[in-house]
Amino acid sequence: MWVILPIMDLWVPFHILFNTRWWFLVPLYAIWFYYDFDTPRRASRRWNWARRHVFWKYFASYFPLRLIKTAELSPDRNYIIGSHPHGMFSIGGFMAMSTNATGFEDKFPGIKSHIMTLNGQFYFPLRREFEIMLGGIEVSKESLEYTLTKCGKGRACAIVEKIKTLFGFCLPSLRGRSIFNQYIIGLLPFRKPVTTVVGRPIRVTQTDEPTNEQVDELHAKYCESLYDLFEEYKHLHSIPPDTHLIFQ
């Protein structure tokens, strides 16, 4: 599906343009695409109806997916969430942050979640509209800074990345945002339970010009918190006690 959909996104406009009487919709959409190009860098357009559609409930029940809350999130602050592991599809992180199928909005009232994804996701016609209405934003420092500084409080941006790559995002978090992690346990895409555990926020002291030492300290705290989260909840999926999280 993940391979076919991008191909379909490109094929459908060409089919409409050359083989149907609705050809005029393609140039109209091209104009809209150009006009709306920067939206993924500007916090997108969350459409609650799409995020809460009953389809996502059925999708979540297939595995099933579930979300565990370990701490309160104040809507008076903004948050950066590291979502691990990435895996091939990252279905757990997507469903937790881009839909309400696992109850994120109910468990964390007042928090508007966004999942950050590759810029290329927004280059495909139609697919970009799907990503935007679910609150997806471009995974860039520019997009992150805009969402956390110009869109008010109560924003949570999830970065689905490797921990070493995530290190580059510790700098903006030192400028006054809380950072925390969520760990997703389960085997994908097989029909096995998938659990997303949202960890406790790491409070960050605002620093306009953070030093490398401060970044290293925050990074160490983050890794320690992620390790503890895995150790505390790995039993839910019968992971052996002697199996531990290793950062590479």
Protein backbone atom coordinates (compact mmCIF):
# COMPACT_ATOMS: atom_id res chain seq x y z
CA MET A 1 0.00 0.00 0.00
CA TRP A 2 2.76 2.43 0.98
CA VAL A 3 4.44 1.86 -2.41
CA ILE A 4 1.28 1.89 -4.52
CA LEU A 5 -0.30 5.05 -3.07
CA PRO A 6 2.45 7.47 -4.22
CA ILE A 7 2.25 5.97 -7.71
CA MET A 8 -1.52 6.36 -7.70
CA ASP A 9 -1.16 9.97 -6.53
CA LEU A 10 0.82 10.70 -9.69
CA TRP A 11 -1.21 8.52 -12.05
CA VAL A 12 -4.66 9.86 -11.11
CA PRO A 13 -3.98 13.51 -12.12
CA PHE A 14 -2.55 12.42 -15.48
CA HIS A 15 -5.52 10.14 -16.07
CA ILE A 16 -7.97 12.95 -15.26
CA LEU A 17 -6.04 15.41 -17.43
CA PHE A 18 -5.84 13.29 -20.58
CA ASN A 19 -8.74 10.85 -20.35
CA THR A 20 -11.70 12.60 -18.75
CA ARG A 21 -13.83 15.67 -19.26
CA TRP A 22 -12.75 16.89 -15.82
CA TRP A 23 -9.28 17.78 -17.13
CA PHE A 24 -9.66 21.41 -15.99
CA LEU A 25 -9.48 20.28 -12.35
CA VAL A 26 -5.79 19.43 -12.78
CA PRO A 27 -4.55 22.94 -13.66
CA LEU A 28 -6.83 24.35 -10.94
CA TYR A 29 -5.27 21.99 -8.43
CA ALA A 30 -1.79 22.91 -9.69
CA ILE A 31 -2.55 26.56 -8.93
CA TRP A 32 -3.77 25.60 -5.47
CA PHE A 33 -0.68 23.43 -4.93
CA TYR A 34 1.59 26.38 -5.70
CA TYR A 35 -0.43 28.78 -3.55
CA ASP A 36 -0.59 26.37 -0.61
CA PHE A 37 2.97 25.04 -0.91
CA ASP A 38 4.24 26.39 2.42
CA THR A 39 1.36 25.10 4.57
CA PRO A 40 3.29 22.02 5.81
CA ARG A 41 5.88 24.46 7.17
CA ARG A 42 3.15 26.55 8.81
CA ALA A 43 1.49 24.06 11.17
CA SER A 44 -0.81 22.61 8.46
CA ARG A 45 -4.62 22.66 8.69
CA ARG A 46 -5.88 20.13 11.21
CA TRP A 47 -9.36 18.91 10.30
CA ASN A 48 -10.88 17.34 13.39
CA TRP A 49 -13.54 15.46 11.42
CA ALA A 50 -10.82 13.62 9.50
CA ARG A 51 -8.77 12.89 12.62
CA ARG A 52 -11.80 11.51 14.47
CA HIS A 53 -13.32 9.53 11.60
CA VAL A 54 -14.68 6.13 12.57
CA PHE A 55 -12.39 4.49 9.98
CA TRP A 56 -9.41 5.05 12.28
CA LYS A 57 -11.19 3.24 15.13
CA TYR A 58 -11.60 0.16 12.94
CA PHE A 59 -8.00 0.47 11.76
CA ALA A 60 -6.72 0.65 15.35
CA SER A 61 -8.82 -2.35 16.41
CA TYR A 62 -7.19 -4.55 13.74
CA PHE A 63 -3.85 -4.89 15.57
CA PRO A 64 -5.10 -3.63 18.13
CA LEU A 65 -3.41 -0.33 18.95
CA ARG A 66 -3.48 1.29 22.38
CA LEU A 67 -2.07 4.39 24.04
CA ILE A 68 -0.75 4.54 27.62
CA LYS A 69 -0.55 7.85 29.45
CA THR A 70 2.10 8.16 32.17
CA ALA A 71 1.82 11.86 33.05
CA GLU A 72 -0.32 14.95 32.55
CA LEU A 73 0.53 17.43 29.79
CA SER A 74 -0.30 21.03 30.55
CA PRO A 75 -2.00 22.87 27.66
CA ASP A 76 -0.07 25.96 28.78
CA ARG A 77 3.18 24.57 27.36
CA ASN A 78 4.47 23.28 24.04
CA TYR A 79 6.15 19.92 23.59
CA ILE A 80 8.57 18.05 21.36
CA ILE A 81 7.95 14.31 21.31
CA GLY A 82 10.50 11.77 20.13
CA SER A 83 8.63 8.76 18.72
CA HIS A 84 10.61 5.50 18.67
CA PRO A 85 11.30 3.20 17.00
CA HIS A 86 10.79 4.41 13.45
CA GLY A 87 10.37 0.98 11.89
CA MET A 88 9.22 0.60 8.30
CA PHE A 89 5.77 2.18 8.59
CA SER A 90 5.60 3.88 12.00
CA ILE A 91 1.90 3.06 12.24
CA GLY A 92 1.83 3.34 16.03
CA GLY A 93 3.19 6.88 16.06
CA PHE A 94 1.03 7.94 13.14
CA MET A 95 -2.19 6.65 14.70
CA ALA A 96 -1.40 8.15 18.11
CA MET A 97 -0.47 11.62 16.87
CA SER A 98 -2.45 12.07 13.62
CA THR A 99 -5.77 10.54 14.66
CA ASN A 100 -7.82 10.14 17.82
CA ALA A 101 -8.22 6.40 17.36
CA THR A 102 -6.21 5.63 20.50
CA GLY A 103 -7.68 8.53 22.47
CA PHE A 104 -4.81 11.03 22.50
CA GLU A 105 -7.16 14.04 22.54
CA ASP A 106 -9.21 12.50 25.35
CA LYS A 107 -6.19 11.62 27.48
CA PHE A 108 -4.46 14.95 26.87
CA PRO A 109 -7.21 17.59 26.56
CA GLY A 110 -6.10 20.92 25.17
CA ILE A 111 -3.08 19.42 23.36
CA LYS A 112 -2.99 19.66 19.56
CA SER A 113 -0.68 16.99 18.18
CA HIS A 114 1.30 17.05 14.95
CA ILE A 115 3.45 14.35 13.44
CA MET A 116 6.51 15.54 11.54
CA THR A 117 7.21 13.68 8.32
CA LEU A 118 9.56 13.81 5.35
CA ASN A 119 9.22 16.82 3.09
CA GLY A 120 8.69 14.53 0.10
CA GLN A 121 5.35 13.39 1.53
CA PHE A 122 3.97 16.82 0.65
CA TYR A 123 5.15 16.75 -2.96
CA PHE A 124 2.59 14.15 -4.02
CA PRO A 125 -0.77 15.55 -5.20
CA LEU A 126 -3.79 14.58 -3.08
CA ARG A 127 -1.59 12.70 -0.61
CA ARG A 128 -0.36 16.05 0.71
CA GLU A 129 -3.95 17.13 1.40
CA PHE A 130 -4.48 13.94 3.37
CA GLU A 131 -1.34 14.57 5.42
CA ILE A 132 -2.19 18.23 6.00
CA MET A 133 -5.74 17.68 7.24
CA LEU A 134 -4.42 15.14 9.76
CA GLY A 135 -2.03 17.78 11.10
CA GLY A 136 1.15 16.49 9.47
CA ILE A 137 3.97 19.02 9.20
CA GLU A 138 7.33 19.10 7.47
CA VAL A 139 10.22 17.67 9.47
CA SER A 140 12.48 20.71 9.50
CA LYS A 141 13.73 23.15 12.13
CA GLU A 142 11.86 25.94 10.36
CA SER A 143 8.56 24.07 10.64
CA LEU A 144 9.22 23.09 14.24
CA GLU A 145 10.09 26.63 15.30
CA TYR A 146 7.02 28.06 13.57
CA THR A 147 4.61 25.60 15.17
CA LEU A 148 6.04 25.99 18.66
CA THR A 149 6.47 29.77 18.65
CA LYS A 150 3.73 31.21 16.43
CA CYS A 151 0.73 28.94 17.02
CA GLY A 152 0.09 29.49 20.70
CA LYS A 153 0.37 26.99 23.54
CA GLY A 154 -0.72 23.37 23.74
CA ARG A 155 1.15 22.10 20.67
CA ALA A 156 2.92 18.74 20.61
CA CYS A 157 5.19 17.92 17.66
CA ALA A 158 6.23 14.29 17.26
CA ILE A 159 9.49 13.57 15.46
CA VAL A 160 9.68 10.00 14.17
CA GLU A 161 13.42 9.59 13.85
CA LYS A 162 16.47 7.69 14.98
CA ILE A 163 17.80 8.90 18.30
CA LYS A 164 21.11 10.06 16.80
CA THR A 165 19.32 12.12 14.17
CA LEU A 166 16.95 13.50 16.81
CA PHE A 167 20.02 14.90 18.56
CA GLY A 168 19.98 17.79 16.11
CA PHE A 169 16.59 18.84 17.49
CA CYS A 170 17.84 19.26 21.06
CA LEU A 171 18.90 22.84 20.32
CA PRO A 172 15.42 24.23 19.65
CA SER A 173 14.08 22.36 22.65
CA LEU A 174 16.48 24.27 24.90
CA ARG A 175 14.72 27.47 23.96
CA GLY A 176 11.81 26.89 26.30
CA ARG A 177 9.96 23.74 25.22
CA SER A 178 9.51 20.52 27.13
CA ILE A 179 10.80 17.41 25.43
CA PHE A 180 9.77 13.83 26.13
CA ASN A 181 9.52 10.48 24.43
CA GLN A 182 7.07 7.81 23.53
CA TYR A 183 8.05 4.21 22.88
CA ILE A 184 6.00 1.99 20.59
CA ILE A 185 6.14 -1.73 21.28
CA GLY A 186 4.83 -4.33 18.85
CA LEU A 187 5.61 -6.08 15.57
CA LEU A 188 4.48 -4.40 12.35
CA PRO A 189 2.85 -4.91 9.92
CA PHE A 190 1.75 -8.26 11.34
CA ARG A 191 -1.49 -8.41 13.28
CA LYS A 192 -0.01 -8.06 16.75
CA PRO A 193 -0.89 -5.65 19.58
CA VAL A 194 0.93 -2.32 19.36
CA THR A 195 1.31 -0.16 22.46
CA THR A 196 2.32 3.51 22.42
CA VAL A 197 3.55 4.74 25.80
CA VAL A 198 3.73 8.52 26.23
CA GLY A 199 6.45 9.32 28.74
CA ARG A 200 6.84 12.12 31.27
CA PRO A 201 7.96 15.53 30.02
CA ILE A 202 11.53 16.63 30.66
CA ARG A 203 11.34 20.24 31.78
CA VAL A 204 13.74 22.47 29.86
CA THR A 205 15.10 25.78 31.07
CA GLN A 206 14.89 28.44 28.37
CA THR A 207 18.32 29.27 26.96
CA ASP A 208 18.80 31.60 24.00
CA GLU A 209 22.29 30.32 23.17
CA PRO A 210 22.61 26.76 24.50
CA THR A 211 26.12 25.34 24.80
CA ASN A 212 27.23 21.92 23.59
CA GLU A 213 27.46 20.80 27.21
CA GLN A 214 23.81 21.74 27.81
CA VAL A 215 22.76 19.89 24.68
CA ASP A 216 24.75 16.82 25.74
CA GLU A 217 23.14 16.93 29.19
CA LEU A 218 19.62 17.11 27.77
CA HIS A 219 20.40 14.35 25.30
CA ALA A 220 21.62 12.11 28.12
CA LYS A 221 18.46 12.78 30.14
CA TYR A 222 16.34 11.97 27.12
CA CYS A 223 18.10 8.66 26.46
CA GLU A 224 17.85 7.70 30.13
CA SER A 225 14.13 8.50 30.15
CA LEU A 226 13.58 6.45 26.99
CA TYR A 227 15.49 3.51 28.46
CA ASP A 228 13.43 3.61 31.66
CA LEU A 229 10.20 3.76 29.65
CA PHE A 230 11.15 0.63 27.73
CA GLU A 231 12.15 -1.22 30.90
CA GLU A 232 8.91 -0.33 32.67
CA TYR A 233 6.54 -1.43 29.92
CA LYS A 234 8.34 -4.15 27.96
CA HIS A 235 6.51 -6.84 29.94
CA LEU A 236 3.27 -5.89 28.17
CA HIS A 237 4.58 -7.68 25.08
CA SER A 238 6.38 -10.53 26.86
CA ILE A 239 9.82 -9.10 26.15
CA PRO A 240 12.30 -11.08 28.29
CA PRO A 241 13.63 -9.32 31.42
CA ASP A 242 17.21 -9.69 30.18
CA THR A 243 16.42 -7.82 26.92
CA HIS A 244 17.42 -4.19 27.17
CA LEU A 245 17.31 -1.11 24.96
CA ILE A 246 20.62 -0.34 23.22
CA PHE A 247 21.34 3.03 21.58
CA GLN A 248 23.43 2.80 18.42
